[in-house]
């Protein structure tokens, strides 16, 4: 009897010892966050990724009672900042504002990646999509008789290689939006890469370029001023920020049915981050994005707020990776 009691006591102590780490982990998750949370933006300040992170951070800070600090870590097309998050501890105190580049395009574009975009991250939520917009120089549009997307397809087929397509650089979503358009329509434009949208837009407005698939926020002022003509947006639905422009898919005929080449931005956490924390951040982000003030603010800039679940965002990234891998292969774009 005494031996039996002793064994039972030892068994209970062993069970208690085994349960302590689990209890500590549960308490830590319940107390999260007990210190500031860092949101890494893998691009320089002032871009769309940075704008979205800074719009969301105060909303999360208000709900969770701790500072959500935006930390810009630019370089290598977003790979530097994403790699830093991938190597961080999955404790909920480091998040990434990832993009279509860091989590869909770059894995096919770069021969060597400093992180595994699937294994090293837990998708939290899609924050917003930002459509690109197909714009033309007015003089070029008049020269080739282009008033809409269908007209552009006809002009390209009648004049292969005569129109130039500007982009913000090789392999960017702006470049690949054009390559997807060319692949689906069987047309050809000469791609001229620039070091960013700014110089590309200058040459497009100046008449040195004919066509560009630019991010809507940067193209918007030039569309409003009449210096560029907007033929269509590249998102699946029309943009409330530019309601007069149809989607490329709707305006381009059967060849462009299903065309979508939007940029997107979403929160991701390092692998190992507790799903309780992931789900809490997702839920509060979705609430913030659905609030009238933030929703209207983002929509005015051309962004389409989301807030989907972690599982939905995971499936979205998988589909986007496959789509852009095919586009990268077709375009031949590579970055050493």
C-alpha atoms as a PDB file:
ATOM      1  CA  UNK A   1       0.000   0.000   0.000  1.00  0.00           C
ATOM      2  CA  UNK A   2       2.797   2.411   0.952  1.00  0.00           C
ATOM      3  CA  UNK A   3       4.677   1.676  -2.281  1.00  0.00           C
ATOM      4  CA  UNK A   4       1.465   2.220  -4.246  1.00  0.00           C
ATOM      5  CA  UNK A   5       0.868   5.595  -2.589  1.00  0.00           C
ATOM      6  CA  UNK A   6       4.469   6.602  -3.231  1.00  0.00           C
ATOM      7  CA  UNK A   7       4.166   5.743  -6.908  1.00  0.00           C
ATOM      8  CA  UNK A   8       0.892   7.625  -7.157  1.00  0.00           C
ATOM      9  CA  UNK A   9       2.458  10.673  -5.577  1.00  0.00           C
ATOM     10  CA  UNK A  10       5.429  10.523  -7.934  1.00  0.00           C
ATOM     11  CA  UNK A  11       3.052  10.095 -10.840  1.00  0.00           C
ATOM     12  CA  UNK A  12       1.100  13.169  -9.792  1.00  0.00           C
ATOM     13  CA  UNK A  13       4.289  15.201  -9.373  1.00  0.00           C
ATOM     14  CA  UNK A  14       5.470  14.131 -12.832  1.00  0.00           C
ATOM     15  CA  UNK A  15       2.155  15.145 -14.352  1.00  0.00           C
ATOM     16  CA  UNK A  16       2.307  18.489 -12.564  1.00  0.00           C
ATOM     17  CA  UNK A  17       5.854  19.099 -13.785  1.00  0.00           C
ATOM     18  CA  UNK A  18       4.834  18.289 -17.349  1.00  0.00           C
ATOM     19  CA  UNK A  19       1.866  20.619 -17.132  1.00  0.00           C
ATOM     20  CA  UNK A  20       3.829  23.614 -15.847  1.00  0.00           C
ATOM     21  CA  UNK A  21       5.295  24.645 -19.237  1.00  0.00           C
ATOM     22  CA  UNK A  22       1.857  24.373 -20.847  1.00  0.00           C
ATOM     23  CA  UNK A  23       0.341  26.444 -18.054  1.00  0.00           C
ATOM     24  CA  UNK A  24       3.078  29.054 -18.391  1.00  0.00           C
ATOM     25  CA  UNK A  25       2.536  29.210 -22.141  1.00  0.00           C
ATOM     26  CA  UNK A  26      -1.213  29.622 -21.684  1.00  0.00           C
ATOM     27  CA  UNK A  27      -0.660  32.408 -19.139  1.00  0.00           C
ATOM     28  CA  UNK A  28       1.803  34.146 -21.471  1.00  0.00           C
ATOM     29  CA  UNK A  29      -0.689  34.016 -24.339  1.00  0.00           C
ATOM     30  CA  UNK A  30      -3.455  35.344 -22.126  1.00  0.00           C
ATOM     31  CA  UNK A  31      -1.234  38.220 -20.999  1.00  0.00           C
ATOM     32  CA  UNK A  32      -0.160  39.075 -24.555  1.00  0.00           C
ATOM     33  CA  UNK A  33       0.799  41.753 -25.281  1.00  0.00           C
ATOM     34  CA  UNK A  34       2.708  42.827 -22.194  1.00  0.00           C
ATOM     35  CA  UNK A  35       5.178  44.965 -24.175  1.00  0.00           C
ATOM     36  CA  UNK A  36       5.304  46.827 -27.524  1.00  0.00           C
ATOM     37  CA  UNK A  37       4.727  44.845 -30.721  1.00  0.00           C
ATOM     38  CA  UNK A  38       6.891  45.537 -33.768  1.00  0.00           C
ATOM     39  CA  UNK A  39       5.428  45.619 -37.284  1.00  0.00           C
ATOM     40  CA  UNK A  40       8.282  45.275 -39.772  1.00  0.00           C
ATOM     41  CA  UNK A  41       7.710  47.055 -43.082  1.00  0.00           C
ATOM     42  CA  UNK A  42      10.177  45.639 -45.630  1.00  0.00           C
ATOM     43  CA  UNK A  43      10.218  48.839 -47.689  1.00  0.00           C
ATOM     44  CA  UNK A  44      11.124  52.481 -47.150  1.00  0.00           C
ATOM     45  CA  UNK A  45       8.766  54.924 -45.472  1.00  0.00           C
ATOM     46  CA  UNK A  46       6.171  56.621 -47.641  1.00  0.00           C
ATOM     47  CA  UNK A  47       5.173  53.693 -49.844  1.00  0.00           C
ATOM     48  CA  UNK A  48       1.860  51.865 -49.771  1.00  0.00           C
ATOM     49  CA  UNK A  49       3.181  49.124 -47.443  1.00  0.00           C
ATOM     50  CA  UNK A  50       4.277  51.758 -44.957  1.00  0.00           C
ATOM     51  CA  UNK A  51       1.053  53.758 -45.300  1.00  0.00           C
ATOM     52  CA  UNK A  52      -1.095  50.718 -44.504  1.00  0.00           C
ATOM     53  CA  UNK A  53       1.039  49.667 -41.535  1.00  0.00           C
ATOM     54  CA  UNK A  54       0.913  53.152 -40.029  1.00  0.00           C
ATOM     55  CA  UNK A  55      -2.842  53.356 -40.563  1.00  0.00           C
ATOM     56  CA  UNK A  56      -3.412  50.032 -38.805  1.00  0.00           C
ATOM     57  CA  UNK A  57      -0.883  50.338 -35.945  1.00  0.00           C
ATOM     58  CA  UNK A  58      -2.808  52.893 -33.843  1.00  0.00           C
ATOM     59  CA  UNK A  59      -6.002  50.847 -34.189  1.00  0.00           C
ATOM     60  CA  UNK A  60      -4.297  47.751 -32.778  1.00  0.00           C
ATOM     61  CA  UNK A  61      -2.586  49.830 -30.102  1.00  0.00           C
ATOM     62  CA  UNK A  62      -5.951  51.187 -28.952  1.00  0.00           C
ATOM     63  CA  UNK A  63      -7.463  47.713 -28.661  1.00  0.00           C
ATOM     64  CA  UNK A  64      -4.538  45.846 -27.095  1.00  0.00           C
ATOM     65  CA  UNK A  65      -3.194  48.637 -24.886  1.00  0.00           C
ATOM     66  CA  UNK A  66       0.403  48.342 -26.080  1.00  0.00           C
ATOM     67  CA  UNK A  67       2.316  50.255 -28.736  1.00  0.00           C
ATOM     68  CA  UNK A  68       2.446  48.735 -32.221  1.00  0.00           C
ATOM     69  CA  UNK A  69       5.663  50.191 -33.622  1.00  0.00           C
ATOM     70  CA  UNK A  70       6.321  50.349 -37.382  1.00  0.00           C
ATOM     71  CA  UNK A  71       9.926  49.449 -38.193  1.00  0.00           C
ATOM     72  CA  UNK A  72      11.104  50.033 -41.796  1.00  0.00           C
ATOM     73  CA  UNK A  73      13.651  47.472 -43.011  1.00  0.00           C
ATOM     74  CA  UNK A  74      13.974  48.033 -46.769  1.00  0.00           C
ATOM     75  CA  UNK A  75      16.139  46.258 -49.306  1.00  0.00           C
ATOM     76  CA  UNK A  76      16.237  43.439 -51.882  1.00  0.00           C
ATOM     77  CA  UNK A  77      12.641  43.846 -52.998  1.00  0.00           C
ATOM     78  CA  UNK A  78      11.349  43.353 -49.465  1.00  0.00           C
ATOM     79  CA  UNK A  79      13.445  40.245 -48.812  1.00  0.00           C
ATOM     80  CA  UNK A  80      15.639  41.848 -46.149  1.00  0.00           C
ATOM     81  CA  UNK A  81      12.802  42.809 -43.818  1.00  0.00           C
ATOM     82  CA  UNK A  82      10.887  39.584 -44.439  1.00  0.00           C
ATOM     83  CA  UNK A  83      13.987  37.518 -43.663  1.00  0.00           C
ATOM     84  CA  UNK A  84      14.450  39.359 -40.365  1.00  0.00           C
ATOM     85  CA  UNK A  85      10.916  38.480 -39.309  1.00  0.00           C
ATOM     86  CA  UNK A  86      11.353  34.884 -40.490  1.00  0.00           C
ATOM     87  CA  UNK A  87      14.289  34.520 -38.094  1.00  0.00           C
ATOM     88  CA  UNK A  88      12.470  36.145 -35.162  1.00  0.00           C
ATOM     89  CA  UNK A  89      10.992  34.305 -32.189  1.00  0.00           C
ATOM     90  CA  UNK A  90       7.346  33.385 -32.712  1.00  0.00           C
ATOM     91  CA  UNK A  91       6.084  35.017 -29.535  1.00  0.00           C
ATOM     92  CA  UNK A  92       3.657  37.538 -31.031  1.00  0.00           C
ATOM     93  CA  UNK A  93       5.931  40.538 -30.598  1.00  0.00           C
ATOM     94  CA  UNK A  94       7.165  40.683 -34.197  1.00  0.00           C
ATOM     95  CA  UNK A  95       4.865  40.934 -37.214  1.00  0.00           C
ATOM     96  CA  UNK A  96       5.506  41.550 -40.903  1.00  0.00           C
ATOM     97  CA  UNK A  97       3.506  43.689 -43.294  1.00  0.00           C
ATOM     98  CA  UNK A  98       4.126  41.355 -46.213  1.00  0.00           C
ATOM     99  CA  UNK A  99       3.258  42.016 -49.834  1.00  0.00           C
ATOM    100  CA  UNK A 100       2.545  40.290 -53.120  1.00  0.00           C
ATOM    101  CA  UNK A 101       6.283  40.701 -53.700  1.00  0.00           C
ATOM    102  CA  UNK A 102       7.600  39.125 -50.499  1.00  0.00           C
ATOM    103  CA  UNK A 103       5.074  36.274 -50.454  1.00  0.00           C
ATOM    104  CA  UNK A 104       4.078  35.534 -54.051  1.00  0.00           C
ATOM    105  CA  UNK A 105       6.455  37.045 -56.634  1.00  0.00           C
ATOM    106  CA  UNK A 106       9.919  36.947 -55.053  1.00  0.00           C
ATOM    107  CA  UNK A 107      10.009  33.163 -54.472  1.00  0.00           C
ATOM    108  CA  UNK A 108       9.953  32.708 -58.259  1.00  0.00           C
ATOM    109  CA  UNK A 109      11.892  35.847 -59.119  1.00  0.00           C
ATOM    110  CA  UNK A 110      14.992  35.382 -56.944  1.00  0.00           C
ATOM    111  CA  UNK A 111      17.218  32.310 -57.525  1.00  0.00           C
ATOM    112  CA  UNK A 112      18.160  32.303 -53.824  1.00  0.00           C
ATOM    113  CA  UNK A 113      15.726  33.393 -51.126  1.00  0.00           C
ATOM    114  CA  UNK A 114      16.796  34.218 -47.535  1.00  0.00           C
ATOM    115  CA  UNK A 115      13.578  32.692 -46.170  1.00  0.00           C
ATOM    116  CA  UNK A 116      10.899  30.140 -47.012  1.00  0.00           C
ATOM    117  CA  UNK A 117       7.766  32.190 -47.575  1.00  0.00           C
ATOM    118  CA  UNK A 118       5.550  29.262 -46.515  1.00  0.00           C
ATOM    119  CA  UNK A 119       7.408  27.383 -43.757  1.00  0.00           C
ATOM    120  CA  UNK A 120       8.858  30.435 -41.990  1.00  0.00           C
ATOM    121  CA  UNK A 121       5.567  32.321 -41.531  1.00  0.00           C
ATOM    122  CA  UNK A 122       2.044  32.059 -40.195  1.00  0.00           C
ATOM    123  CA  UNK A 123      -0.352  34.189 -42.296  1.00  0.00           C
ATOM    124  CA  UNK A 124      -2.457  36.425 -40.047  1.00  0.00           C
ATOM    125  CA  UNK A 125      -4.719  38.360 -42.394  1.00  0.00           C
ATOM    126  CA  UNK A 126      -4.891  40.129 -45.715  1.00  0.00           C
ATOM    127  CA  UNK A 127      -5.024  43.840 -44.883  1.00  0.00           C
ATOM    128  CA  UNK A 128      -5.794  45.339 -48.282  1.00  0.00           C
ATOM    129  CA  UNK A 129      -5.496  44.984 -52.000  1.00  0.00           C
ATOM    130  CA  UNK A 130      -4.407  47.918 -54.142  1.00  0.00           C
ATOM    131  CA  UNK A 131      -5.234  47.738 -57.841  1.00  0.00           C
ATOM    132  CA  UNK A 132      -2.798  48.761 -60.483  1.00  0.00           C
ATOM    133  CA  UNK A 133      -4.250  50.940 -63.192  1.00  0.00           C
ATOM    134  CA  UNK A 134      -3.606  50.684 -66.921  1.00  0.00           C
ATOM    135  CA  UNK A 135      -2.707  54.189 -68.079  1.00  0.00           C
ATOM    136  CA  UNK A 136      -1.665  55.679 -71.414  1.00  0.00           C
ATOM    137  CA  UNK A 137      -0.073  58.858 -72.581  1.00  0.00           C
ATOM    138  CA  UNK A 138      -2.920  60.907 -74.191  1.00  0.00           C
ATOM    139  CA  UNK A 139      -0.948  61.590 -77.369  1.00  0.00           C
ATOM    140  CA  UNK A 140      -0.134  57.895 -77.775  1.00  0.00           C
ATOM    141  CA  UNK A 141      -3.755  56.960 -77.187  1.00  0.00           C
ATOM    142  CA  UNK A 142      -4.854  59.397 -79.889  1.00  0.00           C
ATOM    143  CA  UNK A 143      -2.156  58.215 -82.310  1.00  0.00           C
ATOM    144  CA  UNK A 144      -3.215  54.566 -82.037  1.00  0.00           C
ATOM    145  CA  UNK A 145      -6.954  55.243 -81.702  1.00  0.00           C
ATOM    146  CA  UNK A 146      -7.187  53.859 -78.175  1.00  0.00           C
ATOM    147  CA  UNK A 147     -10.172  54.824 -76.048  1.00  0.00           C
ATOM    148  CA  UNK A 148     -10.532  51.632 -73.985  1.00  0.00           C
ATOM    149  CA  UNK A 149      -8.869  48.314 -73.178  1.00  0.00           C
ATOM    150  CA  UNK A 150     -10.308  46.524 -76.197  1.00  0.00           C
ATOM    151  CA  UNK A 151      -8.934  49.267 -78.449  1.00  0.00           C
ATOM    152  CA  UNK A 152      -5.479  48.823 -76.894  1.00  0.00           C
ATOM    153  CA  UNK A 153      -5.512  45.086 -77.606  1.00  0.00           C
ATOM    154  CA  UNK A 154      -6.428  45.796 -81.256  1.00  0.00           C
ATOM    155  CA  UNK A 155      -3.706  48.432 -81.545  1.00  0.00           C
ATOM    156  CA  UNK A 156      -1.083  46.113 -80.077  1.00  0.00           C
ATOM    157  CA  UNK A 157      -1.998  43.310 -82.460  1.00  0.00           C
ATOM    158  CA  UNK A 158      -1.836  45.698 -85.411  1.00  0.00           C
ATOM    159  CA  UNK A 159       1.455  47.240 -84.235  1.00  0.00           C
ATOM    160  CA  UNK A 160       3.529  44.502 -82.522  1.00  0.00           C
ATOM    161  CA  UNK A 161       6.561  45.911 -80.735  1.00  0.00           C
ATOM    162  CA  UNK A 162       5.807  49.546 -81.612  1.00  0.00           C
ATOM    163  CA  UNK A 163       4.413  50.556 -78.219  1.00  0.00           C
ATOM    164  CA  UNK A 164       6.633  50.838 -75.150  1.00  0.00           C
ATOM    165  CA  UNK A 165       5.526  49.707 -71.686  1.00  0.00           C
ATOM    166  CA  UNK A 166       7.142  51.480 -68.733  1.00  0.00           C
ATOM    167  CA  UNK A 167       7.472  49.884 -65.297  1.00  0.00           C
ATOM    168  CA  UNK A 168       8.941  50.636 -61.890  1.00  0.00           C
ATOM    169  CA  UNK A 169      11.550  47.912 -62.392  1.00  0.00           C
ATOM    170  CA  UNK A 170      12.114  44.338 -63.481  1.00  0.00           C
ATOM    171  CA  UNK A 171       9.971  41.874 -61.603  1.00  0.00           C
ATOM    172  CA  UNK A 172       7.802  44.391 -59.793  1.00  0.00           C
ATOM    173  CA  UNK A 173       4.051  43.858 -59.642  1.00  0.00           C
ATOM    174  CA  UNK A 174       3.740  46.760 -62.073  1.00  0.00           C
ATOM    175  CA  UNK A 175       6.002  45.013 -64.599  1.00  0.00           C
ATOM    176  CA  UNK A 176       4.350  41.630 -64.137  1.00  0.00           C
ATOM    177  CA  UNK A 177       0.842  43.092 -64.445  1.00  0.00           C
ATOM    178  CA  UNK A 178       1.878  44.107 -67.953  1.00  0.00           C
ATOM    179  CA  UNK A 179       3.436  40.716 -68.684  1.00  0.00           C
ATOM    180  CA  UNK A 180       0.244  38.963 -67.613  1.00  0.00           C
ATOM    181  CA  UNK A 181      -1.732  41.266 -69.917  1.00  0.00           C
ATOM    182  CA  UNK A 182       0.610  40.471 -72.823  1.00  0.00           C
ATOM    183  CA  UNK A 183       0.455  36.725 -72.165  1.00  0.00           C
ATOM    184  CA  UNK A 184      -3.338  36.592 -71.986  1.00  0.00           C
ATOM    185  CA  UNK A 185      -3.870  38.730 -75.110  1.00  0.00           C
ATOM    186  CA  UNK A 186      -0.999  37.323 -77.175  1.00  0.00           C
ATOM    187  CA  UNK A 187       0.378  40.816 -77.763  1.00  0.00           C
ATOM    188  CA  UNK A 188       3.813  42.379 -77.455  1.00  0.00           C
ATOM    189  CA  UNK A 189       5.019  45.664 -76.011  1.00  0.00           C
ATOM    190  CA  UNK A 190       8.644  46.588 -75.416  1.00  0.00           C
ATOM    191  CA  UNK A 191       9.213  46.634 -71.668  1.00  0.00           C
ATOM    192  CA  UNK A 192      11.307  49.553 -70.375  1.00  0.00           C
ATOM    193  CA  UNK A 193      12.140  49.198 -66.660  1.00  0.00           C
ATOM    194  CA  UNK A 194      12.833  52.274 -64.522  1.00  0.00           C
ATOM    195  CA  UNK A 195      14.149  52.743 -60.978  1.00  0.00           C
ATOM    196  CA  UNK A 196      10.728  53.324 -59.469  1.00  0.00           C
ATOM    197  CA  UNK A 197       7.338  54.625 -60.549  1.00  0.00           C
ATOM    198  CA  UNK A 198       8.383  58.280 -60.289  1.00  0.00           C
ATOM    199  CA  UNK A 199      10.828  58.405 -63.215  1.00  0.00           C
ATOM    200  CA  UNK A 200       8.661  56.009 -65.231  1.00  0.00           C
ATOM    201  CA  UNK A 201       5.655  58.303 -64.846  1.00  0.00           C
ATOM    202  CA  UNK A 202       7.721  61.328 -65.841  1.00  0.00           C
ATOM    203  CA  UNK A 203       8.653  59.682 -69.142  1.00  0.00           C
ATOM    204  CA  UNK A 204       5.124  58.398 -69.669  1.00  0.00           C
ATOM    205  CA  UNK A 205       3.669  61.869 -69.166  1.00  0.00           C
ATOM    206  CA  UNK A 206       6.415  63.345 -71.344  1.00  0.00           C
ATOM    207  CA  UNK A 207       5.566  61.052 -74.244  1.00  0.00           C
ATOM    208  CA  UNK A 208       8.698  58.911 -74.175  1.00  0.00           C
ATOM    209  CA  UNK A 209       6.588  55.921 -73.084  1.00  0.00           C
ATOM    210  CA  UNK A 210       3.161  54.782 -74.239  1.00  0.00           C
ATOM    211  CA  UNK A 211       1.673  52.485 -71.582  1.00  0.00           C
ATOM    212  CA  UNK A 212       2.113  51.651 -67.903  1.00  0.00           C
ATOM    213  CA  UNK A 213       0.399  49.498 -65.260  1.00  0.00           C
ATOM    214  CA  UNK A 214       1.018  51.715 -62.238  1.00  0.00           C
ATOM    215  CA  UNK A 215      -0.160  51.514 -58.629  1.00  0.00           C
ATOM    216  CA  UNK A 216      -3.382  53.500 -58.386  1.00  0.00           C
ATOM    217  CA  UNK A 217      -2.290  55.856 -55.566  1.00  0.00           C
ATOM    218  CA  UNK A 218       0.743  57.176 -57.473  1.00  0.00           C
ATOM    219  CA  UNK A 219      -1.050  57.416 -60.832  1.00  0.00           C
ATOM    220  CA  UNK A 220      -4.200  59.035 -59.449  1.00  0.00           C
ATOM    221  CA  UNK A 221      -3.020  62.692 -59.427  1.00  0.00           C
ATOM    222  CA  UNK A 222      -1.954  62.464 -63.086  1.00  0.00           C
ATOM    223  CA  UNK A 223      -5.237  60.831 -64.093  1.00  0.00           C
ATOM    224  CA  UNK A 224      -7.208  63.561 -62.321  1.00  0.00           C
ATOM    225  CA  UNK A 225      -5.136  66.286 -64.007  1.00  0.00           C
ATOM    226  CA  UNK A 226      -5.640  64.763 -67.470  1.00  0.00           C
ATOM    227  CA  UNK A 227      -1.942  64.093 -68.035  1.00  0.00           C
ATOM    228  CA  UNK A 228      -2.690  60.359 -68.239  1.00  0.00           C
ATOM    229  CA  UNK A 229      -5.686  58.399 -69.502  1.00  0.00           C
ATOM    230  CA  UNK A 230      -6.941  55.536 -67.317  1.00  0.00           C
ATOM    231  CA  UNK A 231      -8.173  52.610 -69.397  1.00  0.00           C
ATOM    232  CA  UNK A 232      -8.933  50.207 -66.570  1.00  0.00           C
ATOM    233  CA  UNK A 233      -7.995  48.930 -63.128  1.00  0.00           C
ATOM    234  CA  UNK A 234      -6.363  45.542 -62.668  1.00  0.00           C
ATOM    235  CA  UNK A 235      -8.422  44.417 -59.661  1.00  0.00           C
ATOM    236  CA  UNK A 236     -11.289  41.918 -59.800  1.00  0.00           C
ATOM    237  CA  UNK A 237     -13.780  44.669 -58.939  1.00  0.00           C
ATOM    238  CA  UNK A 238     -13.904  48.330 -59.890  1.00  0.00           C
ATOM    239  CA  UNK A 239     -12.211  50.809 -57.583  1.00  0.00           C
ATOM    240  CA  UNK A 240     -14.392  53.250 -55.657  1.00  0.00           C
ATOM    241  CA  UNK A 241     -11.466  55.673 -55.800  1.00  0.00           C
ATOM    242  CA  UNK A 242     -11.667  55.683 -59.604  1.00  0.00           C
ATOM    243  CA  UNK A 243     -15.255  54.630 -60.410  1.00  0.00           C
ATOM    244  CA  UNK A 244     -15.092  55.855 -64.001  1.00  0.00           C
ATOM    245  CA  UNK A 245     -12.475  53.201 -64.866  1.00  0.00           C
ATOM    246  CA  UNK A 246     -13.762  49.671 -65.565  1.00  0.00           C
ATOM    247  CA  UNK A 247     -11.802  46.566 -64.666  1.00  0.00           C
ATOM    248  CA  UNK A 248      -9.386  45.337 -67.329  1.00  0.00           C
ATOM    249  CA  UNK A 249     -11.124  41.947 -67.168  1.00  0.00           C
ATOM    250  CA  UNK A 250     -14.547  43.443 -67.927  1.00  0.00           C
ATOM    251  CA  UNK A 251     -13.347  45.851 -70.607  1.00  0.00           C
ATOM    252  CA  UNK A 252     -10.893  43.606 -72.424  1.00  0.00           C
ATOM    253  CA  UNK A 253     -13.137  40.968 -73.922  1.00  0.00           C
ATOM    254  CA  UNK A 254     -12.915  37.174 -73.688  1.00  0.00           C
ATOM    255  CA  UNK A 255      -9.104  37.088 -73.807  1.00  0.00           C
ATOM    256  CA  UNK A 256      -8.841  39.002 -70.537  1.00  0.00           C
ATOM    257  CA  UNK A 257     -11.640  37.245 -68.641  1.00  0.00           C
ATOM    258  CA  UNK A 258     -10.367  36.561 -65.139  1.00  0.00           C
ATOM    259  CA  UNK A 259      -7.469  39.002 -65.444  1.00  0.00           C
ATOM    260  CA  UNK A 260      -6.365  40.253 -62.028  1.00  0.00           C
ATOM    261  CA  UNK A 261      -2.992  41.667 -61.091  1.00  0.00           C
ATOM    262  CA  UNK A 262      -3.463  43.701 -57.972  1.00  0.00           C
ATOM    263  CA  UNK A 263      -0.843  44.428 -55.380  1.00  0.00           C
ATOM    264  CA  UNK A 264      -1.738  43.247 -51.897  1.00  0.00           C
ATOM    265  CA  UNK A 265      -0.515  43.681 -48.346  1.00  0.00           C
ATOM    266  CA  UNK A 266      -1.031  41.493 -45.300  1.00  0.00           C
ATOM    267  CA  UNK A 267       0.140  40.738 -41.788  1.00  0.00           C
ATOM    268  CA  UNK A 268       2.249  37.636 -41.164  1.00  0.00           C
ATOM    269  CA  UNK A 269       3.931  36.286 -38.040  1.00  0.00           C
ATOM    270  CA  UNK A 270       7.043  34.119 -37.602  1.00  0.00           C
ATOM    271  CA  UNK A 271       6.465  30.363 -37.620  1.00  0.00           C
ATOM    272  CA  UNK A 272       5.622  29.069 -34.164  1.00  0.00           C
ATOM    273  CA  UNK A 273       3.528  32.049 -33.138  1.00  0.00           C
ATOM    274  CA  UNK A 274       0.589  30.731 -31.045  1.00  0.00           C
ATOM    275  CA  UNK A 275      -2.630  30.584 -33.057  1.00  0.00           C
ATOM    276  CA  UNK A 276      -4.490  32.220 -30.182  1.00  0.00           C
ATOM    277  CA  UNK A 277      -2.431  35.369 -30.735  1.00  0.00           C
ATOM    278  CA  UNK A 278      -2.709  35.080 -34.527  1.00  0.00           C
ATOM    279  CA  UNK A 279      -6.491  34.805 -34.319  1.00  0.00           C
ATOM    280  CA  UNK A 280      -6.782  37.733 -31.906  1.00  0.00           C
ATOM    281  CA  UNK A 281      -4.743  39.998 -34.193  1.00  0.00           C
ATOM    282  CA  UNK A 282      -6.761  38.866 -37.214  1.00  0.00           C
ATOM    283  CA  UNK A 283     -10.089  39.511 -35.492  1.00  0.00           C
ATOM    284  CA  UNK A 284      -9.161  42.990 -34.302  1.00  0.00           C
ATOM    285  CA  UNK A 285      -7.603  43.893 -37.660  1.00  0.00           C
ATOM    286  CA  UNK A 286     -10.814  42.847 -39.411  1.00  0.00           C
ATOM    287  CA  UNK A 287     -12.857  44.998 -37.024  1.00  0.00           C
ATOM    288  CA  UNK A 288     -10.578  48.003 -37.606  1.00  0.00           C
ATOM    289  CA  UNK A 289     -10.719  47.607 -41.384  1.00  0.00           C
ATOM    290  CA  UNK A 290     -14.516  47.418 -41.250  1.00  0.00           C
ATOM    291  CA  UNK A 291     -14.834  50.604 -39.200  1.00  0.00           C
ATOM    292  CA  UNK A 292     -16.236  53.466 -41.308  1.00  0.00           C
ATOM    293  CA  UNK A 293     -13.376  55.891 -40.587  1.00  0.00           C
ATOM    294  CA  UNK A 294     -10.488  53.599 -41.561  1.00  0.00           C
ATOM    295  CA  UNK A 295     -12.400  51.928 -44.370  1.00  0.00           C
ATOM    296  CA  UNK A 296     -13.252  55.236 -46.024  1.00  0.00           C
ATOM    297  CA  UNK A 297      -9.722  56.539 -45.515  1.00  0.00           C
ATOM    298  CA  UNK A 298      -8.149  53.536 -47.237  1.00  0.00           C
ATOM    299  CA  UNK A 299     -10.716  53.427 -50.030  1.00  0.00           C
ATOM    300  CA  UNK A 300     -10.071  57.091 -50.811  1.00  0.00           C
ATOM    301  CA  UNK A 301      -6.447  56.136 -51.445  1.00  0.00           C
ATOM    302  CA  UNK A 302      -7.462  53.317 -53.774  1.00  0.00           C
ATOM    303  CA  UNK A 303      -7.028  50.446 -51.291  1.00  0.00           C
ATOM    304  CA  UNK A 304      -9.597  47.681 -50.828  1.00  0.00           C
ATOM    305  CA  UNK A 305      -9.694  46.622 -47.144  1.00  0.00           C
ATOM    306  CA  UNK A 306      -9.959  42.905 -46.353  1.00  0.00           C
ATOM    307  CA  UNK A 307      -9.448  41.215 -42.957  1.00  0.00           C
ATOM    308  CA  UNK A 308      -9.901  37.549 -43.972  1.00  0.00           C
ATOM    309  CA  UNK A 309      -9.012  34.708 -41.605  1.00  0.00           C
ATOM    310  CA  UNK A 310      -5.596  33.099 -41.287  1.00  0.00           C
ATOM    311  CA  UNK A 311      -6.775  29.987 -43.141  1.00  0.00           C
ATOM    312  CA  UNK A 312      -8.260  32.066 -45.964  1.00  0.00           C
ATOM    313  CA  UNK A 313      -5.102  34.144 -46.221  1.00  0.00           C
ATOM    314  CA  UNK A 314      -3.016  30.959 -46.384  1.00  0.00           C
ATOM    315  CA  UNK A 315      -5.048  29.693 -49.334  1.00  0.00           C
ATOM    316  CA  UNK A 316      -4.870  33.123 -50.967  1.00  0.00           C
ATOM    317  CA  UNK A 317      -1.053  33.191 -50.747  1.00  0.00           C
ATOM    318  CA  UNK A 318      -0.844  29.688 -52.220  1.00  0.00           C
ATOM    319  CA  UNK A 319      -3.004  30.682 -55.193  1.00  0.00           C
ATOM    320  CA  UNK A 320      -1.098  33.934 -55.717  1.00  0.00           C
ATOM    321  CA  UNK A 321       2.275  32.133 -55.583  1.00  0.00           C
ATOM    322  CA  UNK A 322       1.180  29.728 -58.316  1.00  0.00           C
ATOM    323  CA  UNK A 323      -0.267  32.518 -60.460  1.00  0.00           C
ATOM    324  CA  UNK A 324       2.779  34.749 -60.272  1.00  0.00           C
ATOM    325  CA  UNK A 325       5.191  31.835 -60.785  1.00  0.00           C
ATOM    326  CA  UNK A 326       3.588  31.289 -64.182  1.00  0.00           C
ATOM    327  CA  UNK A 327       3.797  35.005 -64.997  1.00  0.00           C
ATOM    328  CA  UNK A 328       7.455  35.217 -63.938  1.00  0.00           C
ATOM    329  CA  UNK A 329       8.274  32.182 -66.076  1.00  0.00           C
ATOM    330  CA  UNK A 330       6.472  33.634 -69.094  1.00  0.00           C
ATOM    331  CA  UNK A 331       8.151  37.019 -68.699  1.00  0.00           C
ATOM    332  CA  UNK A 332      11.638  35.596 -68.185  1.00  0.00           C
ATOM    333  CA  UNK A 333      12.177  38.090 -65.358  1.00  0.00           C
ATOM    334  CA  UNK A 334      14.951  37.241 -62.875  1.00  0.00           C
ATOM    335  CA  UNK A 335      16.791  39.169 -60.181  1.00  0.00           C
ATOM    336  CA  UNK A 336      20.296  38.038 -59.216  1.00  0.00           C
END
